[in-house]
């Protein structure tokens, strides 16, 4: 589920926009992490909210969060590998 290369980790995300709260909801389809975001899927608002949420969760700058698949509900997120990210990975192993 997680791909670690060059001090970065990539993983698949199923984004759920227009949720009541930003949260990591759990595993989705055995190969993705489901993340709920409050923002609607309009003009990139949900992606911006996702970046903001992940940067706060993992104590990294917003510019360190990379998203592939901006217009899709299924995305690939790449983050720098720090201690908070390592703990997150351990939770889902």
C-alpha atoms as a PDB file:
ATOM      1  CA  UNK A   1       0.000   0.000   0.000  1.00  0.00           C
ATOM      2  CA  UNK A   2       2.901   2.365   0.751  1.00  0.00           C
ATOM      3  CA  UNK A   3       5.823   2.939  -1.604  1.00  0.00           C
ATOM      4  CA  UNK A   4       8.950   4.391   0.028  1.00  0.00           C
ATOM      5  CA  UNK A   5      11.666   5.928  -2.160  1.00  0.00           C
ATOM      6  CA  UNK A   6      14.320   8.586  -1.524  1.00  0.00           C
ATOM      7  CA  UNK A   7      12.986   9.651   1.894  1.00  0.00           C
ATOM      8  CA  UNK A   8       9.438  10.072   0.519  1.00  0.00           C
ATOM      9  CA  UNK A   9       6.363   7.878   0.755  1.00  0.00           C
ATOM     10  CA  UNK A  10       3.600   7.558  -1.831  1.00  0.00           C
ATOM     11  CA  UNK A  11       0.194   6.016  -1.265  1.00  0.00           C
ATOM     12  CA  UNK A  12      -3.222   5.891  -2.899  1.00  0.00           C
ATOM     13  CA  UNK A  13      -6.023   7.960  -1.449  1.00  0.00           C
ATOM     14  CA  UNK A  14      -9.773   7.858  -1.972  1.00  0.00           C
ATOM     15  CA  UNK A  15     -10.871  11.438  -1.330  1.00  0.00           C
ATOM     16  CA  UNK A  16     -14.378  11.966   0.050  1.00  0.00           C
ATOM     17  CA  UNK A  17     -15.260  15.656  -0.403  1.00  0.00           C
ATOM     18  CA  UNK A  18     -18.138  17.544   1.255  1.00  0.00           C
ATOM     19  CA  UNK A  19     -17.740  15.624   4.530  1.00  0.00           C
ATOM     20  CA  UNK A  20     -18.686  17.031   7.909  1.00  0.00           C
ATOM     21  CA  UNK A  21     -15.099  16.795   9.198  1.00  0.00           C
ATOM     22  CA  UNK A  22     -11.564  16.345   7.874  1.00  0.00           C
ATOM     23  CA  UNK A  23     -10.320  12.915   8.928  1.00  0.00           C
ATOM     24  CA  UNK A  24      -8.462   9.813   7.880  1.00  0.00           C
ATOM     25  CA  UNK A  25     -11.361   7.371   7.648  1.00  0.00           C
ATOM     26  CA  UNK A  26      -9.413   4.117   7.182  1.00  0.00           C
ATOM     27  CA  UNK A  27      -8.562   1.616   4.483  1.00  0.00           C
ATOM     28  CA  UNK A  28     -10.509   1.667   1.216  1.00  0.00           C
ATOM     29  CA  UNK A  29     -10.484  -1.260  -1.271  1.00  0.00           C
ATOM     30  CA  UNK A  30      -7.437  -2.844   0.440  1.00  0.00           C
ATOM     31  CA  UNK A  31      -4.966  -0.597  -1.448  1.00  0.00           C
ATOM     32  CA  UNK A  32      -6.017   2.959  -0.565  1.00  0.00           C
ATOM     33  CA  UNK A  33      -6.543   5.221   2.421  1.00  0.00           C
ATOM     34  CA  UNK A  34      -9.905   7.000   2.582  1.00  0.00           C
ATOM     35  CA  UNK A  35      -9.667  10.625   3.655  1.00  0.00           C
ATOM     36  CA  UNK A  36     -12.732  12.780   4.270  1.00  0.00           C
ATOM     37  CA  UNK A  37     -12.424  16.510   3.556  1.00  0.00           C
ATOM     38  CA  UNK A  38     -14.922  19.235   4.357  1.00  0.00           C
ATOM     39  CA  UNK A  39     -14.505  21.213   1.129  1.00  0.00           C
ATOM     40  CA  UNK A  40     -16.675  20.500  -1.927  1.00  0.00           C
ATOM     41  CA  UNK A  41     -15.130  19.151  -5.152  1.00  0.00           C
ATOM     42  CA  UNK A  42     -15.384  22.544  -6.855  1.00  0.00           C
ATOM     43  CA  UNK A  43     -12.495  24.413  -8.501  1.00  0.00           C
ATOM     44  CA  UNK A  44      -9.849  22.460  -6.602  1.00  0.00           C
ATOM     45  CA  UNK A  45     -11.229  23.333  -3.160  1.00  0.00           C
ATOM     46  CA  UNK A  46     -11.194  19.716  -1.954  1.00  0.00           C
ATOM     47  CA  UNK A  47      -7.573  19.253  -3.091  1.00  0.00           C
ATOM     48  CA  UNK A  48      -6.522  22.443  -1.291  1.00  0.00           C
ATOM     49  CA  UNK A  49      -8.297  21.253   1.859  1.00  0.00           C
ATOM     50  CA  UNK A  50      -6.639  17.823   1.543  1.00  0.00           C
ATOM     51  CA  UNK A  51      -3.181  19.410   1.239  1.00  0.00           C
ATOM     52  CA  UNK A  52      -3.867  21.691   4.219  1.00  0.00           C
ATOM     53  CA  UNK A  53      -5.145  18.772   6.320  1.00  0.00           C
ATOM     54  CA  UNK A  54      -2.209  16.470   5.500  1.00  0.00           C
ATOM     55  CA  UNK A  55       0.353  19.205   6.145  1.00  0.00           C
ATOM     56  CA  UNK A  56      -1.145  19.812   9.619  1.00  0.00           C
ATOM     57  CA  UNK A  57      -1.468  16.086  10.406  1.00  0.00           C
ATOM     58  CA  UNK A  58       2.148  15.306   9.534  1.00  0.00           C
ATOM     59  CA  UNK A  59       3.771  18.636  10.516  1.00  0.00           C
ATOM     60  CA  UNK A  60       5.107  19.340   7.014  1.00  0.00           C
ATOM     61  CA  UNK A  61       4.767  22.354   4.753  1.00  0.00           C
ATOM     62  CA  UNK A  62       1.928  22.436   2.231  1.00  0.00           C
ATOM     63  CA  UNK A  63       4.485  22.613  -0.583  1.00  0.00           C
ATOM     64  CA  UNK A  64       5.832  19.190   0.517  1.00  0.00           C
ATOM     65  CA  UNK A  65       2.476  17.512  -0.211  1.00  0.00           C
ATOM     66  CA  UNK A  66       2.262  16.267  -3.793  1.00  0.00           C
ATOM     67  CA  UNK A  67      -0.981  15.098  -5.422  1.00  0.00           C
ATOM     68  CA  UNK A  68      -1.325  13.171  -8.682  1.00  0.00           C
ATOM     69  CA  UNK A  69      -4.836  12.826 -10.050  1.00  0.00           C
ATOM     70  CA  UNK A  70      -6.251  16.201  -9.065  1.00  0.00           C
ATOM     71  CA  UNK A  71      -9.557  15.708 -10.893  1.00  0.00           C
ATOM     72  CA  UNK A  72     -10.068  12.123  -9.745  1.00  0.00           C
ATOM     73  CA  UNK A  73     -11.480  10.850  -6.455  1.00  0.00           C
ATOM     74  CA  UNK A  74      -8.563   8.401  -6.458  1.00  0.00           C
ATOM     75  CA  UNK A  75      -5.257  10.195  -5.995  1.00  0.00           C
ATOM     76  CA  UNK A  76      -1.638   9.385  -5.284  1.00  0.00           C
ATOM     77  CA  UNK A  77      -0.198  11.401  -2.420  1.00  0.00           C
ATOM     78  CA  UNK A  78       3.547  11.803  -1.889  1.00  0.00           C
ATOM     79  CA  UNK A  79       4.923  13.079   1.425  1.00  0.00           C
ATOM     80  CA  UNK A  80       8.396  13.430   2.909  1.00  0.00           C
ATOM     81  CA  UNK A  81       9.149  10.634   5.352  1.00  0.00           C
ATOM     82  CA  UNK A  82       9.268  11.969   8.926  1.00  0.00           C
ATOM     83  CA  UNK A  83       8.443  10.399  12.295  1.00  0.00           C
ATOM     84  CA  UNK A  84       4.728  11.272  12.120  1.00  0.00           C
ATOM     85  CA  UNK A  85       4.461   9.760   8.642  1.00  0.00           C
ATOM     86  CA  UNK A  86       6.314   6.629   9.812  1.00  0.00           C
ATOM     87  CA  UNK A  87       3.813   6.203  12.682  1.00  0.00           C
ATOM     88  CA  UNK A  88       0.951   6.640  10.224  1.00  0.00           C
ATOM     89  CA  UNK A  89       2.390   3.909   7.977  1.00  0.00           C
ATOM     90  CA  UNK A  90       2.764   1.553  10.970  1.00  0.00           C
ATOM     91  CA  UNK A  91      -0.918   2.022  11.842  1.00  0.00           C
ATOM     92  CA  UNK A  92      -1.974   0.698   8.443  1.00  0.00           C
ATOM     93  CA  UNK A  93       0.436  -2.256   8.137  1.00  0.00           C
END
